[in-house]
Amino acid sequence: MTILKKHHKATIAIIVTVIVAIICTLAYLFLSLIDFHFYFGWKDVKLSNTISIKVPNDWNESKENGMIYFSKDTSNDKDKIILFQSKAEDMYDFGEPLNNDAKAEKNIISHNFKSMIKVNGEVNSLSTVQGDAVISADNVIYKTDYVSFNNNDEEITFYSWNDNLDTDTLEKIADSVSYN
């Protein structure tokens, strides 16, 4: 009788383990399906050795002066700039004004670009900051959205350009980040 009880307990333990494994596998597949559906029509873009994001399939990825920018084809055979990268060393903390002697950098938008202040921002669970910033390009001041990806000592920041990107899409990009 005790041998039967021991076998009975072992059998129940095996059955419970198998059921838990099946539930975990189904949950993983379900979450993968949701992620696929959420990002259907999007592609993976590797920003660096450790940071990847998803962007819409119809966006073109290009580099100029070592910085990435995203554009979209338009009917007049000209690309419409959507997001452009700024180097981390040109970023300033929330509300900190740009110093007059700060070095401007070349990028796709302007040869005289400066990040002036980050007006506000929210940090998501993946350490991505998304918010509003004030920038200067060729001495014209713009208010724009930005997203900043941080991994260890690496920071990659993108600014939207000319209202070519809505806040919901930028938030979706921010939530798509993966750190390798």
C-alpha atoms as a PDB file:
ATOM      1  CA  MET A   1       0.000   0.000   0.000  1.00  0.00           C
ATOM      2  CA  THR A   2       2.811   2.491   0.806  1.00  0.00           C
ATOM      3  CA  ILE A   3       4.518   1.647  -2.507  1.00  0.00           C
ATOM      4  CA  LEU A   4       1.268   2.521  -4.281  1.00  0.00           C
ATOM      5  CA  LYS A   5       1.067   5.833  -2.367  1.00  0.00           C
ATOM      6  CA  LYS A   6       4.661   6.679  -3.337  1.00  0.00           C
ATOM      7  CA  HIS A   7       3.913   5.886  -6.981  1.00  0.00           C
ATOM      8  CA  HIS A   8       0.703   7.871  -6.740  1.00  0.00           C
ATOM      9  CA  LYS A   9       2.531  10.946  -5.399  1.00  0.00           C
ATOM     10  CA  ALA A  10       5.254  10.681  -8.070  1.00  0.00           C
ATOM     11  CA  THR A  11       2.634  10.289 -10.822  1.00  0.00           C
ATOM     12  CA  ILE A  12       0.721  13.346  -9.583  1.00  0.00           C
ATOM     13  CA  ALA A  13       3.970  15.364  -9.430  1.00  0.00           C
ATOM     14  CA  ILE A  14       4.832  14.391 -13.021  1.00  0.00           C
ATOM     15  CA  ILE A  15       1.321  15.236 -14.255  1.00  0.00           C
ATOM     16  CA  VAL A  16       1.384  18.629 -12.496  1.00  0.00           C
ATOM     17  CA  THR A  17       4.835  19.383 -13.964  1.00  0.00           C
ATOM     18  CA  VAL A  18       3.670  18.489 -17.481  1.00  0.00           C
ATOM     19  CA  ILE A  19       0.526  20.632 -17.090  1.00  0.00           C
ATOM     20  CA  VAL A  20       2.574  23.611 -15.856  1.00  0.00           C
ATOM     21  CA  ALA A  21       5.011  23.184 -18.783  1.00  0.00           C
ATOM     22  CA  ILE A  22       2.106  23.102 -21.259  1.00  0.00           C
ATOM     23  CA  ILE A  23       0.531  26.225 -19.711  1.00  0.00           C
ATOM     24  CA  CYS A  24       3.868  28.091 -19.837  1.00  0.00           C
ATOM     25  CA  THR A  25       4.400  27.097 -23.479  1.00  0.00           C
ATOM     26  CA  LEU A  26       0.891  28.194 -24.445  1.00  0.00           C
ATOM     27  CA  ALA A  27       1.336  31.495 -22.595  1.00  0.00           C
ATOM     28  CA  TYR A  28       4.632  32.116 -24.411  1.00  0.00           C
ATOM     29  CA  LEU A  29       3.042  31.357 -27.801  1.00  0.00           C
ATOM     30  CA  PHE A  30       0.086  33.617 -26.997  1.00  0.00           C
ATOM     31  CA  LEU A  31       2.349  36.506 -25.979  1.00  0.00           C
ATOM     32  CA  SER A  32       4.455  36.025 -29.121  1.00  0.00           C
ATOM     33  CA  LEU A  33       1.280  36.142 -31.201  1.00  0.00           C
ATOM     34  CA  ILE A  34       0.202  39.372 -29.504  1.00  0.00           C
ATOM     35  CA  ASP A  35       3.638  40.903 -30.145  1.00  0.00           C
ATOM     36  CA  PHE A  36       3.466  39.782 -33.779  1.00  0.00           C
ATOM     37  CA  HIS A  37      -0.005  41.276 -34.167  1.00  0.00           C
ATOM     38  CA  PHE A  38       1.008  44.502 -32.387  1.00  0.00           C
ATOM     39  CA  TYR A  39       4.028  44.929 -34.678  1.00  0.00           C
ATOM     40  CA  PHE A  40       2.584  43.405 -37.865  1.00  0.00           C
ATOM     41  CA  GLY A  41       3.974  45.406 -40.798  1.00  0.00           C
ATOM     42  CA  TRP A  42       7.012  46.508 -38.788  1.00  0.00           C
ATOM     43  CA  LYS A  43      10.666  45.525 -39.167  1.00  0.00           C
ATOM     44  CA  ASP A  44      13.579  45.147 -36.766  1.00  0.00           C
ATOM     45  CA  VAL A  45      16.368  47.718 -36.943  1.00  0.00           C
ATOM     46  CA  LYS A  46      19.659  47.289 -35.121  1.00  0.00           C
ATOM     47  CA  LEU A  47      20.797  50.681 -33.815  1.00  0.00           C
ATOM     48  CA  SER A  48      23.997  49.409 -32.238  1.00  0.00           C
ATOM     49  CA  ASN A  49      25.562  46.186 -31.027  1.00  0.00           C
ATOM     50  CA  THR A  50      23.239  46.187 -28.022  1.00  0.00           C
ATOM     51  CA  ILE A  51      20.076  48.118 -28.994  1.00  0.00           C
ATOM     52  CA  SER A  52      17.367  47.137 -31.519  1.00  0.00           C
ATOM     53  CA  ILE A  53      13.950  48.677 -32.228  1.00  0.00           C
ATOM     54  CA  LYS A  54      11.004  48.077 -34.539  1.00  0.00           C
ATOM     55  CA  VAL A  55       9.840  50.612 -37.129  1.00  0.00           C
ATOM     56  CA  PRO A  56       7.153  50.488 -39.848  1.00  0.00           C
ATOM     57  CA  ASN A  57       8.139  48.485 -42.963  1.00  0.00           C
ATOM     58  CA  ASP A  58       7.719  51.473 -45.274  1.00  0.00           C
ATOM     59  CA  TRP A  59      10.358  53.508 -43.460  1.00  0.00           C
ATOM     60  CA  ASN A  60      13.822  53.747 -45.026  1.00  0.00           C
ATOM     61  CA  GLU A  61      16.834  53.553 -42.750  1.00  0.00           C
ATOM     62  CA  SER A  62      19.858  55.629 -43.774  1.00  0.00           C
ATOM     63  CA  LYS A  63      23.061  56.930 -42.243  1.00  0.00           C
ATOM     64  CA  GLU A  64      24.724  60.283 -42.645  1.00  0.00           C
ATOM     65  CA  ASN A  65      27.769  61.459 -40.708  1.00  0.00           C
ATOM     66  CA  GLY A  66      27.601  58.238 -38.683  1.00  0.00           C
ATOM     67  CA  MET A  67      24.053  58.918 -37.478  1.00  0.00           C
ATOM     68  CA  ILE A  68      20.880  57.042 -38.369  1.00  0.00           C
ATOM     69  CA  TYR A  69      17.754  58.650 -39.727  1.00  0.00           C
ATOM     70  CA  PHE A  70      14.443  57.253 -40.922  1.00  0.00           C
ATOM     71  CA  SER A  71      12.536  58.567 -43.912  1.00  0.00           C
ATOM     72  CA  LYS A  72       9.562  57.642 -46.028  1.00  0.00           C
ATOM     73  CA  ASP A  73       9.199  57.811 -49.794  1.00  0.00           C
ATOM     74  CA  THR A  74       6.838  60.479 -51.054  1.00  0.00           C
ATOM     75  CA  SER A  75       5.089  60.909 -54.374  1.00  0.00           C
ATOM     76  CA  ASN A  76       7.500  63.628 -55.511  1.00  0.00           C
ATOM     77  CA  ASP A  77      10.526  61.261 -55.359  1.00  0.00           C
ATOM     78  CA  LYS A  78      11.852  62.988 -52.250  1.00  0.00           C
ATOM     79  CA  ASP A  79      12.255  61.290 -48.920  1.00  0.00           C
ATOM     80  CA  LYS A  80      10.309  62.754 -46.024  1.00  0.00           C
ATOM     81  CA  ILE A  81      12.445  62.713 -42.849  1.00  0.00           C
ATOM     82  CA  ILE A  82      10.571  61.159 -39.908  1.00  0.00           C
ATOM     83  CA  LEU A  83      13.137  60.542 -37.159  1.00  0.00           C
ATOM     84  CA  PHE A  84      16.778  61.555 -36.930  1.00  0.00           C
ATOM     85  CA  GLN A  85      19.498  60.660 -34.457  1.00  0.00           C
ATOM     86  CA  SER A  86      21.459  63.026 -32.284  1.00  0.00           C
ATOM     87  CA  LYS A  87      24.612  62.047 -30.460  1.00  0.00           C
ATOM     88  CA  ALA A  88      24.357  61.415 -26.725  1.00  0.00           C
ATOM     89  CA  GLU A  89      27.047  63.956 -25.813  1.00  0.00           C
ATOM     90  CA  ASP A  90      24.853  66.724 -27.227  1.00  0.00           C
ATOM     91  CA  MET A  91      21.934  65.839 -24.942  1.00  0.00           C
ATOM     92  CA  TYR A  92      21.124  67.835 -21.839  1.00  0.00           C
ATOM     93  CA  ASP A  93      19.138  66.923 -18.765  1.00  0.00           C
ATOM     94  CA  PHE A  94      15.540  67.988 -18.286  1.00  0.00           C
ATOM     95  CA  GLY A  95      15.301  71.760 -18.190  1.00  0.00           C
ATOM     96  CA  GLU A  96      19.047  72.356 -18.476  1.00  0.00           C
ATOM     97  CA  PRO A  97      19.707  75.121 -21.010  1.00  0.00           C
ATOM     98  CA  LEU A  98      22.206  74.760 -23.834  1.00  0.00           C
ATOM     99  CA  ASN A  99      25.528  76.460 -23.151  1.00  0.00           C
ATOM    100  CA  ASN A 100      26.514  79.085 -25.698  1.00  0.00           C
ATOM    101  CA  ASP A 101      29.857  77.357 -26.244  1.00  0.00           C
ATOM    102  CA  ALA A 102      28.299  73.929 -26.829  1.00  0.00           C
ATOM    103  CA  LYS A 103      29.448  72.243 -30.017  1.00  0.00           C
ATOM    104  CA  ALA A 104      26.863  71.915 -32.774  1.00  0.00           C
ATOM    105  CA  GLU A 105      26.894  68.723 -34.817  1.00  0.00           C
ATOM    106  CA  LYS A 106      26.225  67.895 -38.434  1.00  0.00           C
ATOM    107  CA  ASN A 107      23.230  65.699 -39.147  1.00  0.00           C
ATOM    108  CA  ILE A 108      20.527  65.190 -41.743  1.00  0.00           C
ATOM    109  CA  ILE A 109      18.441  68.143 -40.513  1.00  0.00           C
ATOM    110  CA  SER A 110      21.013  70.884 -40.079  1.00  0.00           C
ATOM    111  CA  HIS A 111      24.718  71.596 -39.999  1.00  0.00           C
ATOM    112  CA  ASN A 112      23.976  73.810 -37.019  1.00  0.00           C
ATOM    113  CA  PHE A 113      21.834  71.535 -34.834  1.00  0.00           C
ATOM    114  CA  LYS A 114      21.604  71.830 -31.061  1.00  0.00           C
ATOM    115  CA  SER A 115      19.462  70.083 -28.491  1.00  0.00           C
ATOM    116  CA  MET A 116      18.423  72.940 -26.262  1.00  0.00           C
ATOM    117  CA  ILE A 117      16.314  71.413 -23.468  1.00  0.00           C
ATOM    118  CA  LYS A 118      14.284  68.334 -22.762  1.00  0.00           C
ATOM    119  CA  VAL A 119      10.961  69.823 -21.713  1.00  0.00           C
ATOM    120  CA  ASN A 120       9.508  66.651 -20.247  1.00  0.00           C
ATOM    121  CA  GLY A 121       9.758  62.907 -20.566  1.00  0.00           C
ATOM    122  CA  GLU A 122       8.425  59.616 -19.311  1.00  0.00           C
ATOM    123  CA  VAL A 123      10.509  56.522 -18.670  1.00  0.00           C
ATOM    124  CA  ASN A 124       8.946  53.193 -19.624  1.00  0.00           C
ATOM    125  CA  SER A 125       9.765  49.821 -18.072  1.00  0.00           C
ATOM    126  CA  LEU A 126      12.533  49.255 -20.642  1.00  0.00           C
ATOM    127  CA  SER A 127      14.444  52.418 -19.560  1.00  0.00           C
ATOM    128  CA  THR A 128      13.370  54.260 -22.689  1.00  0.00           C
ATOM    129  CA  VAL A 129      12.623  57.966 -22.273  1.00  0.00           C
ATOM    130  CA  GLN A 130      10.001  59.568 -24.492  1.00  0.00           C
ATOM    131  CA  GLY A 131       8.940  63.193 -24.328  1.00  0.00           C
ATOM    132  CA  ASP A 132       9.114  66.719 -25.718  1.00  0.00           C
ATOM    133  CA  ALA A 133      12.250  68.704 -26.455  1.00  0.00           C
ATOM    134  CA  VAL A 134      13.227  72.091 -27.779  1.00  0.00           C
ATOM    135  CA  ILE A 135      15.855  72.006 -30.525  1.00  0.00           C
ATOM    136  CA  SER A 136      17.580  74.548 -32.711  1.00  0.00           C
ATOM    137  CA  ALA A 137      18.350  73.862 -36.376  1.00  0.00           C
ATOM    138  CA  ASP A 138      20.001  76.600 -38.415  1.00  0.00           C
ATOM    139  CA  ASN A 139      19.076  79.054 -35.663  1.00  0.00           C
ATOM    140  CA  VAL A 140      15.349  78.250 -35.902  1.00  0.00           C
ATOM    141  CA  ILE A 141      13.805  76.887 -32.697  1.00  0.00           C
ATOM    142  CA  TYR A 142      11.451  73.890 -32.871  1.00  0.00           C
ATOM    143  CA  LYS A 143       9.432  71.955 -30.319  1.00  0.00           C
ATOM    144  CA  THR A 144       9.588  68.262 -31.163  1.00  0.00           C
ATOM    145  CA  ASP A 145       9.105  64.751 -29.752  1.00  0.00           C
ATOM    146  CA  TYR A 146      12.106  62.644 -28.846  1.00  0.00           C
ATOM    147  CA  VAL A 147      12.839  59.085 -27.768  1.00  0.00           C
ATOM    148  CA  SER A 148      16.027  58.043 -26.026  1.00  0.00           C
ATOM    149  CA  PHE A 149      17.249  54.456 -25.639  1.00  0.00           C
ATOM    150  CA  ASN A 150      19.685  53.737 -22.818  1.00  0.00           C
ATOM    151  CA  ASN A 151      21.724  50.597 -22.282  1.00  0.00           C
ATOM    152  CA  ASN A 152      24.531  50.723 -19.744  1.00  0.00           C
ATOM    153  CA  ASP A 153      26.764  53.614 -20.876  1.00  0.00           C
ATOM    154  CA  GLU A 154      25.190  53.851 -24.325  1.00  0.00           C
ATOM    155  CA  GLU A 155      22.463  56.382 -25.187  1.00  0.00           C
ATOM    156  CA  ILE A 156      20.849  56.741 -28.598  1.00  0.00           C
ATOM    157  CA  THR A 157      18.395  59.602 -29.084  1.00  0.00           C
ATOM    158  CA  PHE A 158      16.032  60.308 -31.976  1.00  0.00           C
ATOM    159  CA  TYR A 159      13.996  63.438 -32.646  1.00  0.00           C
ATOM    160  CA  SER A 160      10.873  63.603 -34.794  1.00  0.00           C
ATOM    161  CA  TRP A 161      10.897  66.121 -37.608  1.00  0.00           C
ATOM    162  CA  ASN A 162       8.169  68.525 -38.824  1.00  0.00           C
ATOM    163  CA  ASP A 163       5.295  66.675 -37.167  1.00  0.00           C
ATOM    164  CA  ASN A 164       5.877  63.716 -39.527  1.00  0.00           C
ATOM    165  CA  LEU A 165       5.366  61.285 -36.645  1.00  0.00           C
ATOM    166  CA  ASP A 166       2.475  60.958 -34.241  1.00  0.00           C
ATOM    167  CA  THR A 167       3.045  60.382 -30.522  1.00  0.00           C
ATOM    168  CA  ASP A 168       1.368  56.934 -30.541  1.00  0.00           C
ATOM    169  CA  THR A 169       3.792  55.611 -33.165  1.00  0.00           C
ATOM    170  CA  LEU A 170       6.736  57.038 -31.242  1.00  0.00           C
ATOM    171  CA  GLU A 171       5.455  55.339 -28.081  1.00  0.00           C
ATOM    172  CA  LYS A 172       5.128  52.050 -29.965  1.00  0.00           C
ATOM    173  CA  ILE A 173       8.742  52.410 -31.156  1.00  0.00           C
ATOM    174  CA  ALA A 174       9.848  53.154 -27.587  1.00  0.00           C
ATOM    175  CA  ASP A 175       8.064  50.021 -26.334  1.00  0.00           C
ATOM    176  CA  SER A 176       9.644  47.862 -29.046  1.00  0.00           C
ATOM    177  CA  VAL A 177      13.232  48.276 -27.865  1.00  0.00           C
ATOM    178  CA  SER A 178      15.259  45.180 -27.114  1.00  0.00           C
ATOM    179  CA  TYR A 179      18.670  45.102 -25.501  1.00  0.00           C
ATOM    180  CA  ASN A 180      20.999  42.348 -26.732  1.00  0.00           C
END
